Amino acid sequence: MSWWNSDSDESSLGEQYDESDIRIRPNPKANKPRTKTRPDHADAVQGMVTGVDRGRYTVLINEISVTCSRARELSKNAIVVGDIVNVVGDVTGSPGSLARIVRVEPRKTLLRRSADDTDEVERVIVANADQLLIVIAAANPEPRVRLVDRYLVAAFDAGITPLLVVTKCDTHDPSEFLSNFSGLNIPIFRSGTDQVPIEDLQKALAGHTTVAVGHSGVGKSTLVNVLVPDAKRATGHVNEVTGRGRHTSSSSICFKLDTPFGIGWIIDTPGVRSFGLGHVNTANVLGAFPDLQEIAQNCPRGCSHSADSPDCDLDSVLRDGTNPAQIGRLDSFRRLVISMS
């Protein structure tokens, strides 16, 4: 007798293992096909980034400071102080609210630096500034020509107008140091403890977005506090043993500058002790000297324009010797080129 009855057992087994009534739940994370189409955010409002702190951005929208995160699609894009951005979400600025940056407008200028001259990775400092306020001290800490040169190179490369402020002039005469920059025709302001040229600086900064840079301990944040009394930036002192300033500003922040001559913006940045120029093109620096650029058009291809460059046509300025101001500009330009090497 066969132990298997196909007629009776197949029907019973079919009923026993019938799974037609089982409901399969869709995967909640994959029940819709992914798409690269992003919303156009037509309702986004525009503002300016005034501060960046650990993944949170302070954006000024219609005189209201709004805390924002950034959209996932911007995760690979640096957002810096000075950026003009589009924001969606809660833009009331109320405590605990959080909006979202969904778009960054094209930048007019971009101030950058690298860790050193061999580092190809650029560090973006600020965006859309049109002036660079270089702050140095006449003494304590001692001014460094090469560091100022590097600031100037970065300004010329970015297409930003440089300004020079010398602090602590009541403790030391900076005339000898400033003679290194006489050929550049850049505005220079002298400041002392009780002799800050507030009105002259207000005239120079009104109508502009200016980024202040300088060595730690030169009084940069102190100067910002004088220009913007509500800024309340932390200030420090210079170490008497090392002669170096202590870092007091940990991040860049932008302040509105309200003056009798108009509205402006000033961006205070953390003090630095080095300023790499690995990203800079020498041709951009030469562009800051229009008279020299015209002469250099006859130079051999690939000319570095340095003092030891063979057949450099800029040497004609020295051979002629009739224009002391132009000779000074040539000396300044070649010193800037050396600082990039």
C-alpha atoms as a PDB file:
ATOM      1  CA  MET A   1       0.000   0.000   0.000  1.00  0.00           C
ATOM      2  CA  SER A   2       1.339   3.392  -0.918  1.00  0.00           C
ATOM      3  CA  TRP A   3       1.918   5.773   1.999  1.00  0.00           C
ATOM      4  CA  TRP A   4       1.224   8.829  -0.179  1.00  0.00           C
ATOM      5  CA  ASN A   5      -2.293   9.662  -1.340  1.00  0.00           C
ATOM      6  CA  SER A   6      -1.900  12.372  -3.929  1.00  0.00           C
ATOM      7  CA  ASP A   7      -5.612  13.187  -4.184  1.00  0.00           C
ATOM      8  CA  SER A   8      -6.342  13.776  -0.507  1.00  0.00           C
ATOM      9  CA  ASP A   9      -3.009  14.918   0.841  1.00  0.00           C
ATOM     10  CA  GLU A  10      -2.240  17.539  -1.822  1.00  0.00           C
ATOM     11  CA  SER A  11      -5.413  19.457  -1.058  1.00  0.00           C
ATOM     12  CA  SER A  12      -4.773  19.371   2.699  1.00  0.00           C
ATOM     13  CA  LEU A  13      -1.165  20.472   2.263  1.00  0.00           C
ATOM     14  CA  GLY A  14      -2.258  23.269  -0.057  1.00  0.00           C
ATOM     15  CA  GLU A  15      -4.632  24.596   2.567  1.00  0.00           C
ATOM     16  CA  GLN A  16      -2.012  24.246   5.270  1.00  0.00           C
ATOM     17  CA  TYR A  17       0.654  26.257   3.380  1.00  0.00           C
ATOM     18  CA  ASP A  18      -1.571  28.777   1.631  1.00  0.00           C
ATOM     19  CA  GLU A  19      -0.076  32.267   2.175  1.00  0.00           C
ATOM     20  CA  SER A  20      -2.383  34.245  -0.080  1.00  0.00           C
ATOM     21  CA  ASP A  21      -3.934  36.057   2.892  1.00  0.00           C
ATOM     22  CA  ILE A  22      -0.626  37.362   4.227  1.00  0.00           C
ATOM     23  CA  ARG A  23      -0.228  41.124   3.915  1.00  0.00           C
ATOM     24  CA  ILE A  24       3.207  42.361   2.849  1.00  0.00           C
ATOM     25  CA  ARG A  25       4.062  45.775   4.286  1.00  0.00           C
ATOM     26  CA  PRO A  26       5.919  48.117   1.944  1.00  0.00           C
ATOM     27  CA  ASN A  27       9.341  49.383   3.014  1.00  0.00           C
ATOM     28  CA  PRO A  28       8.648  52.883   4.341  1.00  0.00           C
ATOM     29  CA  LYS A  29      12.090  54.081   3.246  1.00  0.00           C
ATOM     30  CA  ALA A  30      11.933  52.741  -0.287  1.00  0.00           C
ATOM     31  CA  ASN A  31       8.315  52.766  -1.302  1.00  0.00           C
ATOM     32  CA  LYS A  32       8.880  55.676  -3.686  1.00  0.00           C
ATOM     33  CA  PRO A  33      11.429  55.857  -6.471  1.00  0.00           C
ATOM     34  CA  ARG A  34      14.260  58.323  -5.774  1.00  0.00           C
ATOM     35  CA  THR A  35      14.546  61.386  -7.946  1.00  0.00           C
ATOM     36  CA  LYS A  36      17.184  64.050  -8.559  1.00  0.00           C
ATOM     37  CA  THR A  37      14.532  66.655  -9.098  1.00  0.00           C
ATOM     38  CA  ARG A  38      14.710  69.222  -6.314  1.00  0.00           C
ATOM     39  CA  PRO A  39      12.071  71.777  -5.373  1.00  0.00           C
ATOM     40  CA  ASP A  40      12.674  75.254  -6.769  1.00  0.00           C
ATOM     41  CA  HIS A  41      11.974  76.899  -3.408  1.00  0.00           C
ATOM     42  CA  ALA A  42      10.093  79.760  -5.040  1.00  0.00           C
ATOM     43  CA  ASP A  43       9.085  81.007  -1.584  1.00  0.00           C
ATOM     44  CA  ALA A  44      12.694  81.368  -0.365  1.00  0.00           C
ATOM     45  CA  VAL A  45      13.776  84.728   1.054  1.00  0.00           C
ATOM     46  CA  GLN A  46      17.215  86.257   0.658  1.00  0.00           C
ATOM     47  CA  GLY A  47      19.639  87.203   3.410  1.00  0.00           C
ATOM     48  CA  MET A  48      23.340  87.595   4.236  1.00  0.00           C
ATOM     49  CA  VAL A  49      25.350  85.185   6.363  1.00  0.00           C
ATOM     50  CA  THR A  50      26.763  87.138   9.304  1.00  0.00           C
ATOM     51  CA  GLY A  51      28.094  84.284  11.428  1.00  0.00           C
ATOM     52  CA  VAL A  52      29.040  80.592  11.271  1.00  0.00           C
ATOM     53  CA  ASP A  53      29.265  78.386  14.348  1.00  0.00           C
ATOM     54  CA  ARG A  54      29.474  74.562  14.350  1.00  0.00           C
ATOM     55  CA  GLY A  55      27.054  73.861  11.529  1.00  0.00           C
ATOM     56  CA  ARG A  56      24.669  76.690  12.363  1.00  0.00           C
ATOM     57  CA  TYR A  57      24.515  79.854  10.317  1.00  0.00           C
ATOM     58  CA  THR A  58      23.286  83.271  11.393  1.00  0.00           C
ATOM     59  CA  VAL A  59      21.565  84.945   8.462  1.00  0.00           C
ATOM     60  CA  LEU A  60      20.371  88.558   8.518  1.00  0.00           C
ATOM     61  CA  ILE A  61      16.970  88.796   6.804  1.00  0.00           C
ATOM     62  CA  ASN A  62      15.177  92.155   6.848  1.00  0.00           C
ATOM     63  CA  GLU A  63      17.137  93.261   9.942  1.00  0.00           C
ATOM     64  CA  ILE A  64      16.236  89.994  11.743  1.00  0.00           C
ATOM     65  CA  SER A  65      18.927  87.466  12.723  1.00  0.00           C
ATOM     66  CA  VAL A  66      17.739  83.978  11.775  1.00  0.00           C
ATOM     67  CA  THR A  67      19.450  80.731  12.802  1.00  0.00           C
ATOM     68  CA  CYS A  68      19.749  78.301   9.888  1.00  0.00           C
ATOM     69  CA  SER A  69      21.004  74.886   8.939  1.00  0.00           C
ATOM     70  CA  ARG A  70      21.869  74.065   5.350  1.00  0.00           C
ATOM     71  CA  ALA A  71      20.086  71.811   2.902  1.00  0.00           C
ATOM     72  CA  ARG A  72      21.518  68.368   2.249  1.00  0.00           C
ATOM     73  CA  GLU A  73      22.298  69.224  -1.361  1.00  0.00           C
ATOM     74  CA  LEU A  74      24.677  71.948  -0.124  1.00  0.00           C
ATOM     75  CA  SER A  75      26.665  69.592   2.101  1.00  0.00           C
ATOM     76  CA  LYS A  76      29.726  69.764  -0.171  1.00  0.00           C
ATOM     77  CA  ASN A  77      29.616  73.545  -0.561  1.00  0.00           C
ATOM     78  CA  ALA A  78      31.303  75.877   1.911  1.00  0.00           C
ATOM     79  CA  ILE A  79      29.022  78.603   3.247  1.00  0.00           C
ATOM     80  CA  VAL A  80      30.955  81.513   4.747  1.00  0.00           C
ATOM     81  CA  VAL A  81      30.341  84.919   6.261  1.00  0.00           C
ATOM     82  CA  GLY A  82      29.341  87.394   3.583  1.00  0.00           C
ATOM     83  CA  ASP A  83      27.518  84.852   1.428  1.00  0.00           C
ATOM     84  CA  ILE A  84      24.137  85.914   0.040  1.00  0.00           C
ATOM     85  CA  VAL A  85      21.804  82.942   0.537  1.00  0.00           C
ATOM     86  CA  ASN A  86      18.190  81.899   0.001  1.00  0.00           C
ATOM     87  CA  VAL A  87      16.359  80.607   3.073  1.00  0.00           C
ATOM     88  CA  VAL A  88      13.115  78.678   3.629  1.00  0.00           C
ATOM     89  CA  GLY A  89      11.259  77.734   6.786  1.00  0.00           C
ATOM     90  CA  ASP A  90      10.814  79.726   9.965  1.00  0.00           C
ATOM     91  CA  VAL A  91      12.455  83.111   9.343  1.00  0.00           C
ATOM     92  CA  THR A  92      10.892  84.897  12.333  1.00  0.00           C
ATOM     93  CA  GLY A  93      14.105  84.650  14.339  1.00  0.00           C
ATOM     94  CA  SER A  94      12.168  83.618  17.434  1.00  0.00           C
ATOM     95  CA  PRO A  95      14.023  81.580  20.107  1.00  0.00           C
ATOM     96  CA  GLY A  96      14.320  77.918  19.152  1.00  0.00           C
ATOM     97  CA  SER A  97      13.370  78.482  15.501  1.00  0.00           C
ATOM     98  CA  LEU A  98      15.464  76.987  12.722  1.00  0.00           C
ATOM     99  CA  ALA A  99      15.323  77.837   9.030  1.00  0.00           C
ATOM    100  CA  ARG A 100      17.206  76.180   6.168  1.00  0.00           C
ATOM    101  CA  ILE A 101      19.636  77.548   3.579  1.00  0.00           C
ATOM    102  CA  VAL A 102      18.701  76.074   0.198  1.00  0.00           C
ATOM    103  CA  ARG A 103      20.754  78.136  -2.221  1.00  0.00           C
ATOM    104  CA  VAL A 104      23.913  80.273  -2.308  1.00  0.00           C
ATOM    105  CA  GLU A 105      24.001  83.170  -4.741  1.00  0.00           C
ATOM    106  CA  PRO A 106      27.046  83.605  -7.026  1.00  0.00           C
ATOM    107  CA  ARG A 107      29.887  85.353  -5.209  1.00  0.00           C
ATOM    108  CA  LYS A 108      31.378  88.621  -6.416  1.00  0.00           C
ATOM    109  CA  THR A 109      34.667  88.128  -4.567  1.00  0.00           C
ATOM    110  CA  LEU A 110      36.207  85.407  -2.451  1.00  0.00           C
ATOM    111  CA  LEU A 111      39.052  85.907   0.018  1.00  0.00           C
ATOM    112  CA  ARG A 112      41.021  82.694   0.465  1.00  0.00           C
ATOM    113  CA  ARG A 113      44.169  81.365   2.046  1.00  0.00           C
ATOM    114  CA  SER A 114      45.960  78.043   2.348  1.00  0.00           C
ATOM    115  CA  ALA A 115      47.674  76.510   5.362  1.00  0.00           C
ATOM    116  CA  ASP A 116      51.030  77.077   3.659  1.00  0.00           C
ATOM    117  CA  ASP A 117      52.364  77.794   0.186  1.00  0.00           C
ATOM    118  CA  THR A 118      52.562  74.107  -0.734  1.00  0.00           C
ATOM    119  CA  ASP A 119      49.017  73.281   0.391  1.00  0.00           C
ATOM    120  CA  GLU A 120      46.625  73.067  -2.556  1.00  0.00           C
ATOM    121  CA  VAL A 121      43.566  73.065  -0.272  1.00  0.00           C
ATOM    122  CA  GLU A 122      42.025  76.520  -0.091  1.00  0.00           C
ATOM    123  CA  ARG A 123      40.444  77.902   3.069  1.00  0.00           C
ATOM    124  CA  VAL A 124      37.638  80.274   2.234  1.00  0.00           C
ATOM    125  CA  ILE A 125      37.618  83.194   4.682  1.00  0.00           C
ATOM    126  CA  VAL A 126      34.790  85.472   3.555  1.00  0.00           C
ATOM    127  CA  ALA A 127      32.700  86.122   0.453  1.00  0.00           C
ATOM    128  CA  ASN A 128      31.557  89.305  -1.299  1.00  0.00           C
ATOM    129  CA  ALA A 129      33.889  91.695   0.539  1.00  0.00           C
ATOM    130  CA  ASP A 130      35.206  94.583  -1.563  1.00  0.00           C
ATOM    131  CA  GLN A 131      37.779  95.928   0.917  1.00  0.00           C
ATOM    132  CA  LEU A 132      40.488  94.296   3.030  1.00  0.00           C
ATOM    133  CA  LEU A 133      41.393  96.155   6.234  1.00  0.00           C
ATOM    134  CA  ILE A 134      44.896  95.007   7.192  1.00  0.00           C
ATOM    135  CA  VAL A 135      45.505  95.752  10.868  1.00  0.00           C
ATOM    136  CA  ILE A 136      49.080  95.745  12.182  1.00  0.00           C
ATOM    137  CA  ALA A 137      50.680  97.061  15.360  1.00  0.00           C
ATOM    138  CA  ALA A 138      53.593  99.495  15.364  1.00  0.00           C
ATOM    139  CA  ALA A 139      55.061  97.379  18.186  1.00  0.00           C
ATOM    140  CA  ASN A 140      54.163  94.573  20.584  1.00  0.00           C
ATOM    141  CA  PRO A 141      53.862  92.431  18.510  1.00  0.00           C
ATOM    142  CA  GLU A 142      56.460  93.664  16.068  1.00  0.00           C
ATOM    143  CA  PRO A 143      55.082  94.285  12.547  1.00  0.00           C
ATOM    144  CA  ARG A 144      56.108  91.795   9.878  1.00  0.00           C
ATOM    145  CA  VAL A 145      56.588  93.056   6.323  1.00  0.00           C
ATOM    146  CA  ARG A 146      56.260  89.605   4.783  1.00  0.00           C
ATOM    147  CA  LEU A 147      52.905  88.944   6.465  1.00  0.00           C
ATOM    148  CA  VAL A 148      51.501  92.263   5.247  1.00  0.00           C
ATOM    149  CA  ASP A 149      52.839  91.443   1.775  1.00  0.00           C
ATOM    150  CA  ARG A 150      50.910  88.181   1.854  1.00  0.00           C
ATOM    151  CA  TYR A 151      47.705  89.958   2.827  1.00  0.00           C
ATOM    152  CA  LEU A 152      48.218  92.325  -0.085  1.00  0.00           C
ATOM    153  CA  VAL A 153      48.782  89.452  -2.515  1.00  0.00           C
ATOM    154  CA  ALA A 154      45.566  87.777  -1.356  1.00  0.00           C
ATOM    155  CA  ALA A 155      43.689  91.078  -1.772  1.00  0.00           C
ATOM    156  CA  PHE A 156      45.017  91.699  -5.274  1.00  0.00           C
ATOM    157  CA  ASP A 157      44.279  88.103  -6.285  1.00  0.00           C
ATOM    158  CA  ALA A 158      40.681  88.399  -5.050  1.00  0.00           C
ATOM    159  CA  GLY A 159      40.121  91.803  -6.630  1.00  0.00           C
ATOM    160  CA  ILE A 160      39.660  93.448  -3.216  1.00  0.00           C
ATOM    161  CA  THR A 161      40.913  96.947  -2.362  1.00  0.00           C
ATOM    162  CA  PRO A 162      43.440  96.877   0.519  1.00  0.00           C
ATOM    163  CA  LEU A 163      43.546  99.394   3.382  1.00  0.00           C
ATOM    164  CA  LEU A 164      46.209  99.520   6.088  1.00  0.00           C
ATOM    165  CA  VAL A 165      45.670 100.462   9.745  1.00  0.00           C
ATOM    166  CA  VAL A 166      48.619 100.766  12.130  1.00  0.00           C
ATOM    167  CA  THR A 167      47.687 100.541  15.815  1.00  0.00           C
ATOM    168  CA  LYS A 168      49.731 101.442  18.924  1.00  0.00           C
ATOM    169  CA  CYS A 169      51.358 104.367  17.112  1.00  0.00           C
ATOM    170  CA  ASP A 170      51.550 106.153  20.473  1.00  0.00           C
ATOM    171  CA  THR A 171      54.157 103.601  21.605  1.00  0.00           C
ATOM    172  CA  HIS A 172      56.334 103.506  18.473  1.00  0.00           C
ATOM    173  CA  ASP A 173      56.757 105.484  15.254  1.00  0.00           C
ATOM    174  CA  PRO A 174      55.848 103.194  12.305  1.00  0.00           C
ATOM    175  CA  SER A 175      57.274 105.476   9.580  1.00  0.00           C
ATOM    176  CA  GLU A 176      60.238 103.260   8.780  1.00  0.00           C
ATOM    177  CA  PHE A 177      58.046 100.196   8.524  1.00  0.00           C
ATOM    178  CA  LEU A 178      55.469 101.974   6.351  1.00  0.00           C
ATOM    179  CA  SER A 179      58.174 103.051   3.896  1.00  0.00           C
ATOM    180  CA  ASN A 180      58.082  99.458   2.610  1.00  0.00           C
ATOM    181  CA  PHE A 181      54.644 100.151   1.120  1.00  0.00           C
ATOM    182  CA  SER A 182      55.113 103.688  -0.187  1.00  0.00           C
ATOM    183  CA  GLY A 183      54.982 102.495  -3.791  1.00  0.00           C
ATOM    184  CA  LEU A 184      51.562 100.854  -3.483  1.00  0.00           C
ATOM    185  CA  ASN A 185      49.389 103.965  -3.065  1.00  0.00           C
ATOM    186  CA  ILE A 186      47.120 102.263  -0.532  1.00  0.00           C
ATOM    187  CA  PRO A 187      45.273 104.266   2.164  1.00  0.00           C
ATOM    188  CA  ILE A 188      47.094 104.152   5.510  1.00  0.00           C
ATOM    189  CA  PHE A 189      45.554 105.060   8.889  1.00  0.00           C
ATOM    190  CA  ARG A 190      47.521 105.564  12.088  1.00  0.00           C
ATOM    191  CA  SER A 191      45.855 104.779  15.385  1.00  0.00           C
ATOM    192  CA  GLY A 192      46.805 105.106  19.047  1.00  0.00           C
ATOM    193  CA  THR A 193      45.246 104.247  22.365  1.00  0.00           C
ATOM    194  CA  ASP A 194      43.403 107.562  22.595  1.00  0.00           C
ATOM    195  CA  GLN A 195      43.831 108.692  18.995  1.00  0.00           C
ATOM    196  CA  VAL A 196      41.715 106.350  16.871  1.00  0.00           C
ATOM    197  CA  PRO A 197      40.911 108.017  13.504  1.00  0.00           C
ATOM    198  CA  ILE A 198      37.246 107.055  13.756  1.00  0.00           C
ATOM    199  CA  GLU A 199      35.906 109.626  11.314  1.00  0.00           C
ATOM    200  CA  ASP A 200      38.509 108.838   8.636  1.00  0.00           C
ATOM    201  CA  LEU A 201      37.842 105.114   8.987  1.00  0.00           C
ATOM    202  CA  GLN A 202      34.075 105.627   8.849  1.00  0.00           C
ATOM    203  CA  LYS A 203      34.454 107.566   5.594  1.00  0.00           C
ATOM    204  CA  ALA A 204      36.599 104.775   4.132  1.00  0.00           C
ATOM    205  CA  LEU A 205      34.308 101.931   5.240  1.00  0.00           C
ATOM    206  CA  ALA A 206      30.873 103.455   4.533  1.00  0.00           C
ATOM    207  CA  GLY A 207      29.195 101.884   1.530  1.00  0.00           C
ATOM    208  CA  HIS A 208      31.543  98.892   1.529  1.00  0.00           C
ATOM    209  CA  THR A 209      31.810  95.384   2.915  1.00  0.00           C
ATOM    210  CA  THR A 210      35.200  95.274   4.609  1.00  0.00           C
ATOM    211  CA  VAL A 211      36.975  92.275   6.098  1.00  0.00           C
ATOM    212  CA  ALA A 212      39.486  92.989   8.877  1.00  0.00           C
ATOM    213  CA  VAL A 213      42.539  90.728   9.101  1.00  0.00           C
ATOM    214  CA  GLY A 214      45.646  90.812  11.236  1.00  0.00           C
ATOM    215  CA  HIS A 215      48.106  89.048  13.484  1.00  0.00           C
ATOM    216  CA  SER A 216      46.826  87.996  16.908  1.00  0.00           C
ATOM    217  CA  GLY A 217      47.267  90.777  19.453  1.00  0.00           C
ATOM    218  CA  VAL A 218      47.437  93.760  17.071  1.00  0.00           C
ATOM    219  CA  GLY A 219      44.160  95.231  18.357  1.00  0.00           C
ATOM    220  CA  LYS A 220      41.894  94.221  15.494  1.00  0.00           C
ATOM    221  CA  SER A 221      38.908  93.297  17.657  1.00  0.00           C
ATOM    222  CA  THR A 222      39.501  96.400  19.788  1.00  0.00           C
ATOM    223  CA  LEU A 223      39.276  98.506  16.637  1.00  0.00           C
ATOM    224  CA  VAL A 224      36.044  96.751  15.632  1.00  0.00           C
ATOM    225  CA  ASN A 225      34.590  97.471  19.070  1.00  0.00           C
ATOM    226  CA  VAL A 226      35.375 101.175  18.626  1.00  0.00           C
ATOM    227  CA  LEU A 227      33.727 101.283  15.205  1.00  0.00           C
ATOM    228  CA  VAL A 228      30.760  99.150  16.307  1.00  0.00           C
ATOM    229  CA  PRO A 229      30.116  99.738  20.034  1.00  0.00           C
ATOM    230  CA  ASP A 230      27.555  96.926  20.190  1.00  0.00           C
ATOM    231  CA  ALA A 231      29.997  94.365  18.756  1.00  0.00           C
ATOM    232  CA  LYS A 232      31.472  93.443  22.163  1.00  0.00           C
ATOM    233  CA  ARG A 233      34.222  91.352  20.601  1.00  0.00           C
ATOM    234  CA  ALA A 234      36.567  89.664  23.069  1.00  0.00           C
ATOM    235  CA  THR A 235      40.008  91.262  23.290  1.00  0.00           C
ATOM    236  CA  GLY A 236      43.256  89.842  24.601  1.00  0.00           C
ATOM    237  CA  HIS A 237      46.855  90.773  25.318  1.00  0.00           C
ATOM    238  CA  VAL A 238      50.323  89.998  24.016  1.00  0.00           C
ATOM    239  CA  ASN A 239      52.447  87.427  25.812  1.00  0.00           C
ATOM    240  CA  GLU A 240      55.433  89.292  27.299  1.00  0.00           C
ATOM    241  CA  VAL A 241      57.722  86.272  26.890  1.00  0.00           C
ATOM    242  CA  THR A 242      56.927  85.157  23.338  1.00  0.00           C
ATOM    243  CA  GLY A 243      55.762  88.509  21.976  1.00  0.00           C
ATOM    244  CA  ARG A 244      52.780  86.791  20.404  1.00  0.00           C
ATOM    245  CA  GLY A 245      49.144  87.663  20.745  1.00  0.00           C
ATOM    246  CA  ARG A 246      46.571  85.303  22.179  1.00  0.00           C
ATOM    247  CA  HIS A 247      43.697  84.190  19.953  1.00  0.00           C
ATOM    248  CA  THR A 248      40.483  85.752  21.264  1.00  0.00           C
ATOM    249  CA  SER A 249      38.207  85.516  18.200  1.00  0.00           C
ATOM    250  CA  SER A 250      37.415  81.942  17.227  1.00  0.00           C
ATOM    251  CA  SER A 251      35.167  82.645  14.247  1.00  0.00           C
ATOM    252  CA  SER A 252      34.401  85.321  11.683  1.00  0.00           C
ATOM    253  CA  ILE A 253      31.401  87.543  12.290  1.00  0.00           C
ATOM    254  CA  CYS A 254      29.893  90.442  10.346  1.00  0.00           C
ATOM    255  CA  PHE A 255      28.648  93.667  11.928  1.00  0.00           C
ATOM    256  CA  LYS A 256      26.578  96.470  10.498  1.00  0.00           C
ATOM    257  CA  LEU A 257      28.507  99.737  10.484  1.00  0.00           C
ATOM    258  CA  ASP A 258      26.190 102.722  10.899  1.00  0.00           C
ATOM    259  CA  THR A 259      28.073 105.969  10.248  1.00  0.00           C
ATOM    260  CA  PRO A 260      27.195 109.600   9.458  1.00  0.00           C
ATOM    261  CA  PHE A 261      28.570 108.890   5.974  1.00  0.00           C
ATOM    262  CA  GLY A 262      26.401 105.854   5.218  1.00  0.00           C
ATOM    263  CA  ILE A 263      25.920 102.205   6.055  1.00  0.00           C
ATOM    264  CA  GLY A 264      28.698  99.657   5.734  1.00  0.00           C
ATOM    265  CA  TRP A 265      29.621  96.177   6.926  1.00  0.00           C
ATOM    266  CA  ILE A 266      32.776  95.092   8.735  1.00  0.00           C
ATOM    267  CA  ILE A 267      33.788  91.447   9.182  1.00  0.00           C
ATOM    268  CA  ASP A 268      36.073  90.587  12.089  1.00  0.00           C
ATOM    269  CA  THR A 269      38.161  87.437  11.535  1.00  0.00           C
ATOM    270  CA  PRO A 270      40.275  85.330  13.907  1.00  0.00           C
ATOM    271  CA  GLY A 271      43.914  86.402  14.169  1.00  0.00           C
ATOM    272  CA  VAL A 272      46.414  84.380  12.143  1.00  0.00           C
ATOM    273  CA  ARG A 273      50.172  83.928  12.282  1.00  0.00           C
ATOM    274  CA  SER A 274      50.580  82.601   8.736  1.00  0.00           C
ATOM    275  CA  PHE A 275      48.850  83.180   5.435  1.00  0.00           C
ATOM    276  CA  GLY A 276      49.524  80.609   2.703  1.00  0.00           C
ATOM    277  CA  LEU A 277      49.342  81.664  -0.957  1.00  0.00           C
ATOM    278  CA  GLY A 278      49.356  78.290  -2.671  1.00  0.00           C
ATOM    279  CA  HIS A 279      46.290  79.231  -4.725  1.00  0.00           C
ATOM    280  CA  VAL A 280      47.458  82.612  -6.073  1.00  0.00           C
ATOM    281  CA  ASN A 281      48.428  83.385  -9.677  1.00  0.00           C
ATOM    282  CA  THR A 282      51.250  85.907 -10.141  1.00  0.00           C
ATOM    283  CA  ALA A 283      49.402  87.476 -13.073  1.00  0.00           C
ATOM    284  CA  ASN A 284      46.616  88.568 -10.729  1.00  0.00           C
ATOM    285  CA  VAL A 285      49.117  90.424  -8.555  1.00  0.00           C
ATOM    286  CA  LEU A 286      50.634  92.220 -11.547  1.00  0.00           C
ATOM    287  CA  GLY A 287      47.121  93.377 -12.426  1.00  0.00           C
ATOM    288  CA  ALA A 288      47.193  95.585  -9.321  1.00  0.00           C
ATOM    289  CA  PHE A 289      50.011  97.622 -10.936  1.00  0.00           C
ATOM    290  CA  PRO A 290      48.525  98.853 -14.261  1.00  0.00           C
ATOM    291  CA  ASP A 291      51.637 100.828 -15.299  1.00  0.00           C
ATOM    292  CA  LEU A 292      53.901  97.826 -14.689  1.00  0.00           C
ATOM    293  CA  GLN A 293      51.469  95.464 -16.382  1.00  0.00           C
ATOM    294  CA  GLU A 294      51.641  97.553 -19.558  1.00  0.00           C
ATOM    295  CA  ILE A 295      55.449  97.396 -19.563  1.00  0.00           C
ATOM    296  CA  ALA A 296      55.443  93.649 -18.818  1.00  0.00           C
ATOM    297  CA  GLN A 297      53.518  92.913 -22.030  1.00  0.00           C
ATOM    298  CA  ASN A 298      56.865  92.817 -23.848  1.00  0.00           C
ATOM    299  CA  CYS A 299      58.403  90.307 -21.423  1.00  0.00           C
ATOM    300  CA  PRO A 300      59.361  86.812 -22.675  1.00  0.00           C
ATOM    301  CA  ARG A 301      56.708  84.124 -22.339  1.00  0.00           C
ATOM    302  CA  GLY A 302      56.704  82.580 -18.884  1.00  0.00           C
ATOM    303  CA  CYS A 303      58.626  85.483 -17.327  1.00  0.00           C
ATOM    304  CA  SER A 304      58.359  85.452 -13.524  1.00  0.00           C
ATOM    305  CA  HIS A 305      59.090  89.214 -13.361  1.00  0.00           C
ATOM    306  CA  SER A 306      61.454  88.669 -10.440  1.00  0.00           C
ATOM    307  CA  ALA A 307      64.713  90.618 -10.127  1.00  0.00           C
ATOM    308  CA  ASP A 308      66.794  87.687 -11.435  1.00  0.00           C
ATOM    309  CA  SER A 309      64.448  86.874 -14.332  1.00  0.00           C
ATOM    310  CA  PRO A 310      66.411  87.095 -17.621  1.00  0.00           C
ATOM    311  CA  ASP A 311      65.260  89.705 -20.170  1.00  0.00           C
ATOM    312  CA  CYS A 312      62.438  90.953 -17.910  1.00  0.00           C
ATOM    313  CA  ASP A 313      61.273  94.198 -19.445  1.00  0.00           C
ATOM    314  CA  LEU A 314      60.371  95.594 -16.027  1.00  0.00           C
ATOM    315  CA  ASP A 315      64.104  96.218 -15.546  1.00  0.00           C
ATOM    316  CA  SER A 316      63.679  99.145 -17.943  1.00  0.00           C
ATOM    317  CA  VAL A 317      62.065 101.031 -15.068  1.00  0.00           C
ATOM    318  CA  LEU A 318      65.328 100.757 -13.130  1.00  0.00           C
ATOM    319  CA  ARG A 319      67.466 101.583 -16.157  1.00  0.00           C
ATOM    320  CA  ASP A 320      65.439 104.708 -16.847  1.00  0.00           C
ATOM    321  CA  GLY A 321      65.488 105.816 -13.210  1.00  0.00           C
ATOM    322  CA  THR A 322      63.444 108.967 -13.844  1.00  0.00           C
ATOM    323  CA  ASN A 323      60.280 107.894 -12.036  1.00  0.00           C
ATOM    324  CA  PRO A 324      60.972 107.261  -8.311  1.00  0.00           C
ATOM    325  CA  ALA A 325      57.308 106.384  -7.607  1.00  0.00           C
ATOM    326  CA  GLN A 326      57.330 103.745 -10.342  1.00  0.00           C
ATOM    327  CA  ILE A 327      60.633 102.369  -9.044  1.00  0.00           C
ATOM    328  CA  GLY A 328      58.979 102.053  -5.634  1.00  0.00           C
ATOM    329  CA  ARG A 329      56.021 100.195  -7.134  1.00  0.00           C
ATOM    330  CA  LEU A 330      58.366  97.814  -8.954  1.00  0.00           C
ATOM    331  CA  ASP A 331      60.208  97.099  -5.712  1.00  0.00           C
ATOM    332  CA  SER A 332      56.887  96.453  -3.948  1.00  0.00           C
ATOM    333  CA  PHE A 333      55.642  94.170  -6.729  1.00  0.00           C
ATOM    334  CA  ARG A 334      58.815  92.087  -6.794  1.00  0.00           C
ATOM    335  CA  ARG A 335      58.761  91.746  -3.017  1.00  0.00           C
ATOM    336  CA  LEU A 336      55.200  90.469  -3.264  1.00  0.00           C
ATOM    337  CA  VAL A 337      56.258  87.942  -5.907  1.00  0.00           C
ATOM    338  CA  ILE A 338      59.079  86.747  -3.651  1.00  0.00           C
ATOM    339  CA  SER A 339      56.620  86.285  -0.784  1.00  0.00           C
ATOM    340  CA  MET A 340      54.678  83.848  -2.977  1.00  0.00           C
ATOM    341  CA  SER A 341      57.722  81.656  -3.651  1.00  0.00           C
END
